[in-house]
Amino acid sequence: YITGELTQVDWRKIAAWKPDAVIHLAGPALVS
């Protein structure tokens, strides 16, 4: 786990991990 805003975490380390896929679920969830 990495806790933090998506725009503020260390993406250099994530890129170095060399993921095969990114599943993007972060964001607003309620229409209202």
PDB file of all heavy atoms in Angstrom:
ATOM      1  N   TYR A   1       0.826  -1.207   0.000  1.00  0.00           N
ATOM      2  CA  TYR A   1       0.000   0.000   0.000  1.00  0.00           C
ATOM      3  C   TYR A   1       0.861   1.257   0.000  1.00  0.00           C
ATOM      4  O   TYR A   1       1.910   1.310   0.650  1.00  0.00           O
ATOM      5  CB  TYR A   1      -0.900   0.036   1.237  1.00  0.00           C
ATOM      6  CG  TYR A   1      -2.036  -0.964   1.213  1.00  0.00           C
ATOM      7  CD1 TYR A   1      -1.833  -2.277   1.599  1.00  0.00           C
ATOM      8  CD2 TYR A   1      -3.314  -0.593   0.803  1.00  0.00           C
ATOM      9  CE1 TYR A   1      -2.874  -3.201   1.588  1.00  0.00           C
ATOM     10  CE2 TYR A   1      -4.359  -1.502   0.794  1.00  0.00           C
ATOM     11  CZ  TYR A   1      -4.122  -2.802   1.181  1.00  0.00           C
ATOM     12  OH  TYR A   1      -5.156  -3.707   1.168  1.00  0.00           O
ATOM     13  N   ILE A   2       0.385   2.252  -0.716  1.00  0.00           N
ATOM     14  CA  ILE A   2       0.943   3.604  -0.652  1.00  0.00           C
ATOM     15  C   ILE A   2      -0.207   4.535  -0.317  1.00  0.00           C
ATOM     16  O   ILE A   2      -1.208   4.586  -1.047  1.00  0.00           O
ATOM     17  CB  ILE A   2       1.591   4.033  -1.982  1.00  0.00           C
ATOM     18  CG1 ILE A   2       2.761   3.127  -2.334  1.00  0.00           C
ATOM     19  CG2 ILE A   2       2.036   5.488  -1.911  1.00  0.00           C
ATOM     20  CD1 ILE A   2       3.401   3.448  -3.686  1.00  0.00           C
ATOM     21  N   THR A   3      -0.090   5.272   0.776  1.00  0.00           N
ATOM     22  CA  THR A   3      -1.143   6.196   1.181  1.00  0.00           C
ATOM     23  C   THR A   3      -0.754   7.618   0.783  1.00  0.00           C
ATOM     24  O   THR A   3       0.324   8.100   1.129  1.00  0.00           O
ATOM     25  CB  THR A   3      -1.368   6.135   2.701  1.00  0.00           C
ATOM     26  OG1 THR A   3      -1.712   4.797   3.079  1.00  0.00           O
ATOM     27  CG2 THR A   3      -2.500   7.066   3.118  1.00  0.00           C
ATOM     28  N   GLY A   4      -1.636   8.281   0.042  1.00  0.00           N
ATOM     29  CA  GLY A   4      -1.361   9.650  -0.381  1.00  0.00           C
ATOM     30  C   GLY A   4      -2.161  10.011  -1.621  1.00  0.00           C
ATOM     31  O   GLY A   4      -2.792   9.155  -2.241  1.00  0.00           O
ATOM     32  N   GLU A   5      -2.136  11.291  -1.939  1.00  0.00           N
ATOM     33  CA  GLU A   5      -2.806  11.746  -3.150  1.00  0.00           C
ATOM     34  C   GLU A   5      -2.108  11.168  -4.373  1.00  0.00           C
ATOM     35  O   GLU A   5      -0.874  11.057  -4.417  1.00  0.00           O
ATOM     36  CB  GLU A   5      -2.790  13.276  -3.222  1.00  0.00           C
ATOM     37  CG  GLU A   5      -3.582  13.969  -2.125  1.00  0.00           C
ATOM     38  CD  GLU A   5      -5.086  13.807  -2.308  1.00  0.00           C
ATOM     39  OE1 GLU A   5      -5.515  13.429  -3.425  1.00  0.00           O
ATOM     40  OE2 GLU A   5      -5.829  14.064  -1.355  1.00  0.00           O
ATOM     41  N   LEU A   6      -2.876  10.830  -5.378  1.00  0.00           N
ATOM     42  CA  LEU A   6      -2.328  10.225  -6.588  1.00  0.00           C
ATOM     43  C   LEU A   6      -1.274  11.114  -7.232  1.00  0.00           C
ATOM     44  O   LEU A   6      -0.300  10.633  -7.811  1.00  0.00           O
ATOM     45  CB  LEU A   6      -3.467   9.952  -7.579  1.00  0.00           C
ATOM     46  CG  LEU A   6      -3.162   9.025  -8.755  1.00  0.00           C
ATOM     47  CD1 LEU A   6      -2.871   7.614  -8.268  1.00  0.00           C
ATOM     48  CD2 LEU A   6      -4.325   9.016  -9.731  1.00  0.00           C
ATOM     49  N   THR A   7      -1.474  12.414  -7.111  1.00  0.00           N
ATOM     50  CA  THR A   7      -0.554  13.364  -7.745  1.00  0.00           C
ATOM     51  C   THR A   7       0.678  13.654  -6.901  1.00  0.00           C
ATOM     52  O   THR A   7       1.550  14.410  -7.336  1.00  0.00           O
ATOM     53  CB  THR A   7      -1.284  14.694  -8.022  1.00  0.00           C
ATOM     54  OG1 THR A   7      -1.844  15.191  -6.790  1.00  0.00           O
ATOM     55  CG2 THR A   7      -2.409  14.492  -9.031  1.00  0.00           C
ATOM     56  N   GLN A   8       0.761  13.062  -5.711  1.00  0.00           N
ATOM     57  CA  GLN A   8       1.862  13.397  -4.811  1.00  0.00           C
ATOM     58  C   GLN A   8       2.733  12.208  -4.420  1.00  0.00           C
ATOM     59  O   GLN A   8       3.762  12.394  -3.764  1.00  0.00           O
ATOM     60  CB  GLN A   8       1.310  14.071  -3.540  1.00  0.00           C
ATOM     61  CG  GLN A   8       0.626  15.396  -3.822  1.00  0.00           C
ATOM     62  CD  GLN A   8       0.008  16.020  -2.580  1.00  0.00           C
ATOM     63  OE1 GLN A   8       0.118  15.483  -1.478  1.00  0.00           O
ATOM     64  NE2 GLN A   8      -0.645  17.161  -2.742  1.00  0.00           N
ATOM     65  N   VAL A   9       2.346  11.003  -4.786  1.00  0.00           N
ATOM     66  CA  VAL A   9       3.165   9.844  -4.447  1.00  0.00           C
ATOM     67  C   VAL A   9       4.370   9.782  -5.387  1.00  0.00           C
ATOM     68  O   VAL A   9       4.405  10.445  -6.430  1.00  0.00           O
ATOM     69  CB  VAL A   9       2.338   8.541  -4.529  1.00  0.00           C
ATOM     70  CG1 VAL A   9       1.180   8.596  -3.551  1.00  0.00           C
ATOM     71  CG2 VAL A   9       1.824   8.299  -5.948  1.00  0.00           C
ATOM     72  N   ASP A  10       5.351   8.964  -5.034  1.00  0.00           N
ATOM     73  CA  ASP A  10       6.595   8.887  -5.802  1.00  0.00           C
ATOM     74  C   ASP A  10       6.416   7.935  -6.990  1.00  0.00           C
ATOM     75  O   ASP A  10       6.592   6.715  -6.871  1.00  0.00           O
ATOM     76  CB  ASP A  10       7.734   8.392  -4.898  1.00  0.00           C
ATOM     77  CG  ASP A  10       9.100   8.543  -5.553  1.00  0.00           C
ATOM     78  OD1 ASP A  10       9.149   8.726  -6.786  1.00  0.00           O
ATOM     79  OD2 ASP A  10      10.112   8.470  -4.839  1.00  0.00           O
ATOM     80  N   TRP A  11       6.102   8.501  -8.144  1.00  0.00           N
ATOM     81  CA  TRP A  11       5.864   7.694  -9.330  1.00  0.00           C
ATOM     82  C   TRP A  11       7.157   7.177  -9.948  1.00  0.00           C
ATOM     83  O   TRP A  11       7.120   6.239 -10.752  1.00  0.00           O
ATOM     84  CB  TRP A  11       5.054   8.484 -10.349  1.00  0.00           C
ATOM     85  CG  TRP A  11       3.601   8.495  -9.991  1.00  0.00           C
ATOM     86  CD1 TRP A  11       2.929   9.450  -9.303  1.00  0.00           C
ATOM     87  CD2 TRP A  11       2.653   7.459 -10.284  1.00  0.00           C
ATOM     88  NE1 TRP A  11       1.617   9.084  -9.134  1.00  0.00           N
ATOM     89  CE2 TRP A  11       1.416   7.872  -9.731  1.00  0.00           C
ATOM     90  CE3 TRP A  11       2.725   6.233 -10.939  1.00  0.00           C
ATOM     91  CZ2 TRP A  11       0.261   7.093  -9.830  1.00  0.00           C
ATOM     92  CZ3 TRP A  11       1.580   5.453 -11.037  1.00  0.00           C
ATOM     93  CH2 TRP A  11       0.369   5.878 -10.485  1.00  0.00           C
ATOM     94  N   ARG A  12       8.289   7.723  -9.564  1.00  0.00           N
ATOM     95  CA  ARG A  12       9.553   7.190 -10.069  1.00  0.00           C
ATOM     96  C   ARG A  12       9.783   5.778  -9.526  1.00  0.00           C
ATOM     97  O   ARG A  12      10.217   4.885 -10.258  1.00  0.00           O
ATOM     98  CB  ARG A  12      10.715   8.105  -9.663  1.00  0.00           C
ATOM     99  CG  ARG A  12      10.732   9.448 -10.378  1.00  0.00           C
ATOM    100  CD  ARG A  12      11.831  10.332  -9.834  1.00  0.00           C
ATOM    101  NE  ARG A  12      11.611  10.626  -8.412  1.00  0.00           N
ATOM    102  CZ  ARG A  12      12.445  11.350  -7.673  1.00  0.00           C
ATOM    103  NH1 ARG A  12      13.533  11.852  -8.223  1.00  0.00           N
ATOM    104  NH2 ARG A  12      12.177  11.580  -6.395  1.00  0.00           N
ATOM    105  N   LYS A  13       9.454   5.586  -8.261  1.00  0.00           N
ATOM    106  CA  LYS A  13       9.598   4.256  -7.666  1.00  0.00           C
ATOM    107  C   LYS A  13       8.574   3.287  -8.251  1.00  0.00           C
ATOM    108  O   LYS A  13       8.873   2.111  -8.453  1.00  0.00           O
ATOM    109  CB  LYS A  13       9.441   4.344  -6.148  1.00  0.00           C
ATOM    110  CG  LYS A  13      10.580   5.061  -5.446  1.00  0.00           C
ATOM    111  CD  LYS A  13      10.387   5.033  -3.942  1.00  0.00           C
ATOM    112  CE  LYS A  13      11.561   5.709  -3.232  1.00  0.00           C
ATOM    113  NZ  LYS A  13      11.394   5.698  -1.747  1.00  0.00           N
ATOM    114  N   ILE A  14       7.376   3.796  -8.502  1.00  0.00           N
ATOM    115  CA  ILE A  14       6.334   2.934  -9.081  1.00  0.00           C
ATOM    116  C   ILE A  14       6.729   2.505 -10.484  1.00  0.00           C
ATOM    117  O   ILE A  14       6.574   1.338 -10.865  1.00  0.00           O
ATOM    118  CB  ILE A  14       4.983   3.675  -9.088  1.00  0.00           C
ATOM    119  CG1 ILE A  14       4.552   3.992  -7.649  1.00  0.00           C
ATOM    120  CG2 ILE A  14       3.914   2.842  -9.800  1.00  0.00           C
ATOM    121  CD1 ILE A  14       3.338   4.876  -7.557  1.00  0.00           C
ATOM    122  N   ALA A  15       7.269   3.439 -11.270  1.00  0.00           N
ATOM    123  CA  ALA A  15       7.713   3.113 -12.627  1.00  0.00           C
ATOM    124  C   ALA A  15       8.869   2.119 -12.596  1.00  0.00           C
ATOM    125  O   ALA A  15       8.956   1.214 -13.442  1.00  0.00           O
ATOM    126  CB  ALA A  15       8.115   4.382 -13.365  1.00  0.00           C
ATOM    127  N   ALA A  16       9.752   2.260 -11.604  1.00  0.00           N
ATOM    128  CA  ALA A  16      10.890   1.346 -11.480  1.00  0.00           C
ATOM    129  C   ALA A  16      10.435  -0.069 -11.125  1.00  0.00           C
ATOM    130  O   ALA A  16      11.140  -1.044 -11.418  1.00  0.00           O
ATOM    131  CB  ALA A  16      11.854   1.869 -10.420  1.00  0.00           C
ATOM    132  N   TRP A  17       9.274  -0.177 -10.520  1.00  0.00           N
ATOM    133  CA  TRP A  17       8.689  -1.482 -10.182  1.00  0.00           C
ATOM    134  C   TRP A  17       8.238  -2.223 -11.441  1.00  0.00           C
ATOM    135  O   TRP A  17       8.050  -3.423 -11.444  1.00  0.00           O
ATOM    136  CB  TRP A  17       7.523  -1.265  -9.225  1.00  0.00           C
ATOM    137  CG  TRP A  17       6.942  -2.500  -8.611  1.00  0.00           C
ATOM    138  CD1 TRP A  17       7.608  -3.442  -7.874  1.00  0.00           C
ATOM    139  CD2 TRP A  17       5.571  -2.916  -8.654  1.00  0.00           C
ATOM    140  NE1 TRP A  17       6.734  -4.420  -7.460  1.00  0.00           N
ATOM    141  CE2 TRP A  17       5.483  -4.127  -7.918  1.00  0.00           C
ATOM    142  CE3 TRP A  17       4.424  -2.390  -9.235  1.00  0.00           C
ATOM    143  CZ2 TRP A  17       4.281  -4.806  -7.756  1.00  0.00           C
ATOM    144  CZ3 TRP A  17       3.224  -3.062  -9.072  1.00  0.00           C
ATOM    145  CH2 TRP A  17       3.161  -4.257  -8.342  1.00  0.00           C
ATOM    146  N   LYS A  18       8.046  -1.489 -12.528  1.00  0.00           N
ATOM    147  CA  LYS A  18       7.680  -2.005 -13.845  1.00  0.00           C
ATOM    148  C   LYS A  18       6.356  -2.786 -13.835  1.00  0.00           C
ATOM    149  O   LYS A  18       6.332  -3.986 -14.124  1.00  0.00           O
ATOM    150  CB  LYS A  18       8.809  -2.864 -14.416  1.00  0.00           C
ATOM    151  CG  LYS A  18      10.100  -2.098 -14.653  1.00  0.00           C
ATOM    152  CD  LYS A  18      11.172  -2.979 -15.256  1.00  0.00           C
ATOM    153  CE  LYS A  18      12.454  -2.181 -15.506  1.00  0.00           C
ATOM    154  NZ  LYS A  18      13.528  -3.021 -16.092  1.00  0.00           N
ATOM    155  N   PRO A  19       5.272  -2.095 -13.542  1.00  0.00           N
ATOM    156  CA  PRO A  19       3.971  -2.785 -13.532  1.00  0.00           C
ATOM    157  C   PRO A  19       3.536  -3.196 -14.937  1.00  0.00           C
ATOM    158  O   PRO A  19       3.870  -2.549 -15.920  1.00  0.00           O
ATOM    159  CB  PRO A  19       3.029  -1.732 -12.947  1.00  0.00           C
ATOM    160  CG  PRO A  19       3.662  -0.427 -13.289  1.00  0.00           C
ATOM    161  CD  PRO A  19       5.146  -0.673 -13.210  1.00  0.00           C
ATOM    162  N   ASP A  20       2.766  -4.278 -14.982  1.00  0.00           N
ATOM    163  CA  ASP A  20       2.213  -4.747 -16.250  1.00  0.00           C
ATOM    164  C   ASP A  20       0.887  -4.068 -16.568  1.00  0.00           C
ATOM    165  O   ASP A  20       0.468  -4.030 -17.732  1.00  0.00           O
ATOM    166  CB  ASP A  20       1.997  -6.264 -16.202  1.00  0.00           C
ATOM    167  CG  ASP A  20       3.299  -7.017 -16.019  1.00  0.00           C
ATOM    168  OD1 ASP A  20       4.107  -7.013 -16.958  1.00  0.00           O
ATOM    169  OD2 ASP A  20       3.505  -7.588 -14.929  1.00  0.00           O
ATOM    170  N   ALA A  21       0.220  -3.573 -15.531  1.00  0.00           N
ATOM    171  CA  ALA A  21      -1.086  -2.937 -15.729  1.00  0.00           C
ATOM    172  C   ALA A  21      -1.349  -1.933 -14.627  1.00  0.00           C
ATOM    173  O   ALA A  21      -0.849  -2.072 -13.507  1.00  0.00           O
ATOM    174  CB  ALA A  21      -2.196  -3.982 -15.766  1.00  0.00           C
ATOM    175  N   VAL A  22      -2.147  -0.928 -14.963  1.00  0.00           N
ATOM    176  CA  VAL A  22      -2.629   0.050 -13.990  1.00  0.00           C
ATOM    177  C   VAL A  22      -4.151   0.057 -14.063  1.00  0.00           C
ATOM    178  O   VAL A  22      -4.719   0.344 -15.122  1.00  0.00           O
ATOM    179  CB  VAL A  22      -2.087   1.465 -14.269  1.00  0.00           C
ATOM    180  CG1 VAL A  22      -2.678   2.460 -13.268  1.00  0.00           C
ATOM    181  CG2 VAL A  22      -0.565   1.481 -14.212  1.00  0.00           C
ATOM    182  N   ILE A  23      -4.795  -0.270 -12.958  1.00  0.00           N
ATOM    183  CA  ILE A  23      -6.256  -0.238 -12.892  1.00  0.00           C
ATOM    184  C   ILE A  23      -6.654   1.039 -12.160  1.00  0.00           C
ATOM    185  O   ILE A  23      -6.368   1.195 -10.971  1.00  0.00           O
ATOM    186  CB  ILE A  23      -6.813  -1.479 -12.166  1.00  0.00           C
ATOM    187  CG1 ILE A  23      -6.376  -2.751 -12.897  1.00  0.00           C
ATOM    188  CG2 ILE A  23      -8.337  -1.411 -12.084  1.00  0.00           C
ATOM    189  CD1 ILE A  23      -6.796  -4.040 -12.209  1.00  0.00           C
ATOM    190  N   HIS A  24      -7.292   1.930 -12.877  1.00  0.00           N
ATOM    191  CA  HIS A  24      -7.569   3.270 -12.343  1.00  0.00           C
ATOM    192  C   HIS A  24      -9.012   3.368 -11.836  1.00  0.00           C
ATOM    193  O   HIS A  24      -9.963   3.450 -12.608  1.00  0.00           O
ATOM    194  CB  HIS A  24      -7.322   4.313 -13.428  1.00  0.00           C
ATOM    195  CG  HIS A  24      -7.477   5.723 -12.971  1.00  0.00           C
ATOM    196  ND1 HIS A  24      -7.109   6.148 -11.713  1.00  0.00           N
ATOM    197  CD2 HIS A  24      -7.973   6.832 -13.605  1.00  0.00           C
ATOM    198  CE1 HIS A  24      -7.364   7.439 -11.586  1.00  0.00           C
ATOM    199  NE2 HIS A  24      -7.885   7.868 -12.717  1.00  0.00           N
ATOM    200  N   LEU A  25      -9.133   3.357 -10.508  1.00  0.00           N
ATOM    201  CA  LEU A  25     -10.436   3.459  -9.846  1.00  0.00           C
ATOM    202  C   LEU A  25     -10.580   4.735  -9.023  1.00  0.00           C
ATOM    203  O   LEU A  25     -11.686   5.070  -8.600  1.00  0.00           O
ATOM    204  CB  LEU A  25     -10.651   2.250  -8.927  1.00  0.00           C
ATOM    205  CG  LEU A  25     -10.871   0.907  -9.616  1.00  0.00           C
ATOM    206  CD1 LEU A  25     -10.543  -0.228  -8.662  1.00  0.00           C
ATOM    207  CD2 LEU A  25     -12.294   0.795 -10.114  1.00  0.00           C
ATOM    208  N   ALA A  26      -9.480   5.426  -8.783  1.00  0.00           N
ATOM    209  CA  ALA A  26      -9.523   6.620  -7.945  1.00  0.00           C
ATOM    210  C   ALA A  26     -10.352   7.716  -8.600  1.00  0.00           C
ATOM    211  O   ALA A  26     -10.295   7.902  -9.818  1.00  0.00           O
ATOM    212  CB  ALA A  26      -8.103   7.128  -7.683  1.00  0.00           C
ATOM    213  N   GLY A  27     -11.120   8.428  -7.789  1.00  0.00           N
ATOM    214  CA  GLY A  27     -11.922   9.528  -8.311  1.00  0.00           C
ATOM    215  C   GLY A  27     -13.298   9.567  -7.676  1.00  0.00           C
ATOM    216  O   GLY A  27     -13.650   8.715  -6.854  1.00  0.00           O
ATOM    217  N   PRO A  28     -14.097  10.553  -8.039  1.00  0.00           N
ATOM    218  CA  PRO A  28     -15.454  10.694  -7.490  1.00  0.00           C
ATOM    219  C   PRO A  28     -16.296   9.458  -7.772  1.00  0.00           C
ATOM    220  O   PRO A  28     -16.127   8.784  -8.782  1.00  0.00           O
ATOM    221  CB  PRO A  28     -16.003  11.918  -8.221  1.00  0.00           C
ATOM    222  CG  PRO A  28     -14.793  12.674  -8.686  1.00  0.00           C
ATOM    223  CD  PRO A  28     -13.765  11.632  -8.987  1.00  0.00           C
ATOM    224  N   ALA A  29     -17.233   9.175  -6.845  1.00  0.00           N
ATOM    225  CA  ALA A  29     -18.042   7.963  -6.981  1.00  0.00           C
ATOM    226  C   ALA A  29     -19.543   8.221  -6.938  1.00  0.00           C
ATOM    227  O   ALA A  29     -20.322   7.299  -7.165  1.00  0.00           O
ATOM    228  CB  ALA A  29     -17.669   6.970  -5.879  1.00  0.00           C
ATOM    229  N   LEU A  30     -19.955   9.457  -6.650  1.00  0.00           N
ATOM    230  CA  LEU A  30     -21.384   9.738  -6.491  1.00  0.00           C
ATOM    231  C   LEU A  30     -21.848  10.793  -7.492  1.00  0.00           C
ATOM    232  O   LEU A  30     -21.289  11.889  -7.559  1.00  0.00           O
ATOM    233  CB  LEU A  30     -21.687  10.207  -5.068  1.00  0.00           C
ATOM    234  CG  LEU A  30     -21.454   9.175  -3.955  1.00  0.00           C
ATOM    235  CD1 LEU A  30     -21.660   9.832  -2.590  1.00  0.00           C
ATOM    236  CD2 LEU A  30     -22.372   7.980  -4.122  1.00  0.00           C
ATOM    237  N   VAL A  31     -22.875  10.449  -8.254  1.00  0.00           N
ATOM    238  CA  VAL A  31     -23.438  11.384  -9.222  1.00  0.00           C
ATOM    239  C   VAL A  31     -23.979  12.623  -8.523  1.00  0.00           C
ATOM    240  O   VAL A  31     -23.761  13.759  -8.973  1.00  0.00           O
ATOM    241  CB  VAL A  31     -24.557  10.709 -10.038  1.00  0.00           C
ATOM    242  CG1 VAL A  31     -25.240  11.726 -10.943  1.00  0.00           C
ATOM    243  CG2 VAL A  31     -24.000   9.563 -10.863  1.00  0.00           C
ATOM    244  N   SER A  32     -24.677  12.427  -7.413  1.00  0.00           N
ATOM    245  CA  SER A  32     -25.319  13.542  -6.719  1.00  0.00           C
ATOM    246  C   SER A  32     -24.322  14.586  -6.243  1.00  0.00           C
ATOM    247  O   SER A  32     -24.599  15.793  -6.275  1.00  0.00           O
ATOM    248  CB  SER A  32     -26.127  13.018  -5.525  1.00  0.00           C
ATOM    249  OG  SER A  32     -25.292  12.292  -4.626  1.00  0.00           O
TER     250      SER A  32
END
